[in-house]
N, C-alpha and C. Protein backbone atom coordinates (compact mmCIF):
# COMPACT_ATOMS: atom_id res chain seq x y z
N MET A 1 -57.24 -1.07 4.55
CA MET A 1 -56.18 -1.00 5.58
C MET A 1 -56.28 -2.23 6.48
N CYS A 2 -57.50 -2.66 6.75
CA CYS A 2 -57.73 -3.80 7.64
C CYS A 2 -57.13 -5.06 6.98
N ILE A 3 -57.23 -5.19 5.64
CA ILE A 3 -56.71 -6.36 5.00
C ILE A 3 -55.19 -6.46 5.20
N PHE A 4 -54.51 -5.35 5.15
CA PHE A 4 -53.03 -5.35 5.31
C PHE A 4 -52.66 -5.75 6.79
N LYS A 5 -53.52 -5.37 7.69
CA LYS A 5 -53.27 -5.69 9.13
C LYS A 5 -53.42 -7.22 9.30
N GLU A 6 -54.49 -7.82 8.66
CA GLU A 6 -54.72 -9.23 8.78
C GLU A 6 -53.58 -10.01 8.09
N ILE A 7 -53.11 -9.53 6.93
CA ILE A 7 -52.02 -10.20 6.28
C ILE A 7 -50.74 -10.13 7.09
N GLY A 8 -50.53 -8.97 7.79
CA GLY A 8 -49.39 -8.85 8.66
C GLY A 8 -49.51 -9.86 9.80
N LYS A 9 -50.63 -10.01 10.43
CA LYS A 9 -50.84 -10.97 11.50
C LYS A 9 -50.57 -12.35 11.01
N PHE A 10 -51.06 -12.74 9.81
CA PHE A 10 -50.82 -14.03 9.23
C PHE A 10 -49.39 -14.32 9.05
N VAL A 11 -48.66 -13.35 8.48
CA VAL A 11 -47.20 -13.52 8.21
C VAL A 11 -46.47 -13.64 9.51
N LYS A 12 -46.81 -12.81 10.49
CA LYS A 12 -46.10 -12.86 11.79
C LYS A 12 -46.36 -14.20 12.47
N ASN A 13 -47.63 -14.70 12.45
CA ASN A 13 -47.90 -16.02 13.05
C ASN A 13 -47.15 -17.11 12.29
N GLY A 14 -47.13 -17.06 11.00
CA GLY A 14 -46.43 -18.06 10.24
C GLY A 14 -44.91 -18.08 10.53
N ALA A 15 -44.31 -16.90 10.69
CA ALA A 15 -42.90 -16.82 11.02
C ALA A 15 -42.66 -17.34 12.39
N SER A 16 -43.49 -17.06 13.38
CA SER A 16 -43.21 -17.57 14.70
C SER A 16 -43.45 -19.11 14.79
N VAL A 17 -44.43 -19.63 14.11
CA VAL A 17 -44.64 -21.07 14.05
C VAL A 17 -43.45 -21.78 13.38
N PHE A 18 -42.99 -21.22 12.27
CA PHE A 18 -41.84 -21.78 11.59
C PHE A 18 -40.62 -21.70 12.52
N ASN A 19 -40.43 -20.61 13.24
CA ASN A 19 -39.27 -20.53 14.18
C ASN A 19 -39.35 -21.58 15.25
N GLU A 20 -40.56 -21.75 15.83
CA GLU A 20 -40.69 -22.77 16.86
C GLU A 20 -40.47 -24.19 16.36
N ALA A 21 -41.00 -24.45 15.13
CA ALA A 21 -40.88 -25.75 14.54
C ALA A 21 -39.44 -26.05 14.16
N SER A 22 -38.69 -25.08 13.66
CA SER A 22 -37.31 -25.32 13.32
C SER A 22 -36.45 -25.55 14.56
N LYS A 23 -36.85 -25.08 15.75
CA LYS A 23 -36.14 -25.38 17.03
C LYS A 23 -36.62 -26.66 17.60
N GLY A 24 -37.72 -27.25 17.11
CA GLY A 24 -38.22 -28.44 17.66
C GLY A 24 -39.10 -28.23 18.88
N SER A 25 -39.57 -27.06 19.07
CA SER A 25 -40.35 -26.77 20.28
C SER A 25 -41.83 -26.43 19.91
N TYR A 26 -42.26 -26.79 18.77
CA TYR A 26 -43.68 -26.54 18.37
C TYR A 26 -44.57 -27.56 18.95
N SER A 27 -45.45 -27.20 19.82
CA SER A 27 -46.43 -28.13 20.35
C SER A 27 -47.65 -27.38 20.80
N ARG A 28 -48.48 -27.04 19.86
CA ARG A 28 -49.74 -26.36 20.16
C ARG A 28 -50.89 -27.36 20.11
N GLN A 29 -51.45 -27.65 21.25
CA GLN A 29 -52.53 -28.62 21.30
C GLN A 29 -53.72 -27.99 22.09
N SER A 30 -54.91 -28.26 21.64
CA SER A 30 -56.05 -27.76 22.33
C SER A 30 -56.34 -28.66 23.52
N GLU A 31 -57.23 -28.20 24.37
CA GLU A 31 -57.60 -28.98 25.57
C GLU A 31 -58.30 -30.23 25.13
N ALA A 32 -59.07 -30.21 24.07
CA ALA A 32 -59.79 -31.43 23.58
C ALA A 32 -58.82 -32.50 23.16
N ILE A 33 -57.72 -32.08 22.46
CA ILE A 33 -56.72 -33.07 22.01
C ILE A 33 -56.04 -33.68 23.23
N ARG A 34 -55.68 -32.85 24.23
CA ARG A 34 -55.03 -33.36 25.40
C ARG A 34 -55.91 -34.37 26.12
N SER A 35 -57.19 -34.07 26.26
CA SER A 35 -58.09 -35.01 26.92
C SER A 35 -58.23 -36.37 26.18
N ILE A 36 -58.24 -36.26 24.83
CA ILE A 36 -58.35 -37.47 24.03
C ILE A 36 -57.08 -38.31 24.18
N GLU A 37 -55.91 -37.66 24.11
CA GLU A 37 -54.67 -38.38 24.34
C GLU A 37 -54.60 -39.03 25.74
N LYS A 38 -55.05 -38.32 26.69
CA LYS A 38 -55.06 -38.89 28.03
C LYS A 38 -55.95 -40.08 28.11
N GLU A 39 -57.11 -40.04 27.51
CA GLU A 39 -58.03 -41.17 27.49
C GLU A 39 -57.44 -42.36 26.73
N LEU A 40 -56.75 -42.11 25.63
CA LEU A 40 -56.25 -43.18 24.77
C LEU A 40 -55.02 -43.82 25.44
N PHE A 41 -54.13 -43.05 26.00
CA PHE A 41 -52.85 -43.53 26.46
C PHE A 41 -52.85 -43.92 27.96
N SER A 42 -53.85 -43.67 28.67
CA SER A 42 -53.91 -44.07 30.05
C SER A 42 -54.29 -45.53 30.16
N LYS A 43 -53.56 -46.27 30.89
CA LYS A 43 -53.83 -47.69 31.02
C LYS A 43 -54.47 -47.98 32.39
N ASP A 44 -55.72 -48.44 32.31
CA ASP A 44 -56.45 -48.78 33.51
C ASP A 44 -56.55 -50.30 33.58
N ASP A 45 -56.63 -50.82 34.80
CA ASP A 45 -56.84 -52.24 34.99
C ASP A 45 -58.32 -52.49 34.62
N GLY A 46 -58.59 -53.57 33.93
CA GLY A 46 -59.92 -53.88 33.55
C GLY A 46 -60.44 -53.06 32.38
N SER A 47 -59.58 -52.39 31.68
CA SER A 47 -60.04 -51.61 30.57
C SER A 47 -60.52 -52.51 29.42
N PHE A 48 -60.00 -53.70 29.34
CA PHE A 48 -60.44 -54.61 28.26
C PHE A 48 -61.92 -54.97 28.48
N VAL A 49 -62.26 -55.23 29.72
CA VAL A 49 -63.63 -55.61 30.03
C VAL A 49 -64.55 -54.39 29.74
N ASP A 50 -64.15 -53.21 30.13
CA ASP A 50 -64.92 -52.02 29.85
C ASP A 50 -65.04 -51.78 28.38
N ASP A 51 -63.96 -52.02 27.63
CA ASP A 51 -64.00 -51.84 26.18
C ASP A 51 -64.99 -52.81 25.52
N LYS A 52 -64.98 -54.03 26.03
CA LYS A 52 -65.90 -55.05 25.46
C LYS A 52 -67.38 -54.66 25.76
N ARG A 53 -67.64 -54.14 26.98
CA ARG A 53 -68.96 -53.73 27.44
C ARG A 53 -69.41 -52.54 26.54
N ASN A 54 -68.55 -51.59 26.37
CA ASN A 54 -68.88 -50.44 25.55
C ASN A 54 -69.08 -50.79 24.12
N LEU A 55 -68.32 -51.74 23.58
CA LEU A 55 -68.50 -52.18 22.20
C LEU A 55 -69.85 -52.83 22.04
N ALA A 56 -70.23 -53.67 22.98
CA ALA A 56 -71.54 -54.35 22.91
C ALA A 56 -72.67 -53.29 22.97
N LYS A 57 -72.53 -52.36 23.92
CA LYS A 57 -73.52 -51.28 24.03
C LYS A 57 -73.63 -50.45 22.74
N ASP A 58 -72.48 -50.12 22.11
CA ASP A 58 -72.47 -49.33 20.89
C ASP A 58 -73.14 -50.14 19.76
N ARG A 59 -72.85 -51.44 19.74
CA ARG A 59 -73.49 -52.30 18.67
C ARG A 59 -75.01 -52.29 18.87
N GLU A 60 -75.45 -52.40 20.08
CA GLU A 60 -76.90 -52.38 20.34
C GLU A 60 -77.50 -51.07 19.92
N ASN A 61 -76.85 -49.97 20.22
CA ASN A 61 -77.34 -48.65 19.86
C ASN A 61 -77.42 -48.53 18.36
N VAL A 62 -76.42 -48.99 17.64
CA VAL A 62 -76.46 -48.91 16.16
C VAL A 62 -77.53 -49.72 15.59
N ASN A 63 -77.71 -50.95 16.17
CA ASN A 63 -78.80 -51.83 15.66
C ASN A 63 -80.15 -51.18 15.86
N ARG A 64 -80.34 -50.55 17.01
CA ARG A 64 -81.64 -49.87 17.34
C ARG A 64 -81.83 -48.69 16.35
N ASP A 65 -80.81 -47.92 16.09
CA ASP A 65 -80.94 -46.78 15.19
C ASP A 65 -81.28 -47.24 13.78
N ILE A 66 -80.64 -48.34 13.35
CA ILE A 66 -80.93 -48.89 12.02
C ILE A 66 -82.36 -49.36 11.96
N ARG A 67 -82.81 -50.10 13.03
CA ARG A 67 -84.17 -50.58 13.05
C ARG A 67 -85.18 -49.45 12.99
N ASN A 68 -84.93 -48.45 13.78
CA ASN A 68 -85.83 -47.24 13.81
C ASN A 68 -85.91 -46.53 12.42
N SER A 69 -84.75 -46.39 11.84
CA SER A 69 -84.70 -45.70 10.49
C SER A 69 -85.40 -46.57 9.49
N TYR A 70 -85.23 -47.84 9.49
CA TYR A 70 -85.90 -48.74 8.57
C TYR A 70 -87.44 -48.74 8.76
N ASN A 71 -87.86 -48.72 9.96
CA ASN A 71 -89.30 -48.67 10.29
C ASN A 71 -89.89 -47.35 9.78
N LYS A 72 -89.20 -46.25 10.00
CA LYS A 72 -89.65 -44.95 9.52
C LYS A 72 -89.71 -44.91 7.99
N LEU A 73 -88.73 -45.51 7.32
CA LEU A 73 -88.72 -45.57 5.88
C LEU A 73 -89.86 -46.40 5.36
N GLN A 74 -90.18 -47.55 6.04
CA GLN A 74 -91.28 -48.37 5.62
C GLN A 74 -92.65 -47.64 5.79
N LEU A 75 -92.80 -46.90 6.86
CA LEU A 75 -94.03 -46.20 7.08
C LEU A 75 -94.28 -45.11 6.09
N HIS A 76 -93.24 -44.43 5.63
CA HIS A 76 -93.38 -43.33 4.70
C HIS A 76 -93.48 -43.81 3.23
N ASN A 77 -93.02 -44.98 2.96
CA ASN A 77 -93.00 -45.45 1.58
C ASN A 77 -93.94 -46.62 1.34
N GLY A 78 -94.65 -47.06 2.29
CA GLY A 78 -95.50 -48.22 2.03
C GLY A 78 -96.70 -48.32 2.76
């Protein structure tokens, strides 16, 4: 009986989503998606400088992680 109830919920949800989409009013977004959109589409002054700084910092972090992994691999295999 529980399976039929879940199927009913699924069909009802599908019908309501289809109804909203056909009217052009379907917009279900989670809070995480909204915060990412806000971060991407907000234009701050000096954002280019911040992006360059963050890119350099990320590159340093990746290089450090690769170096650490390589050193661990050398220690275990040689």
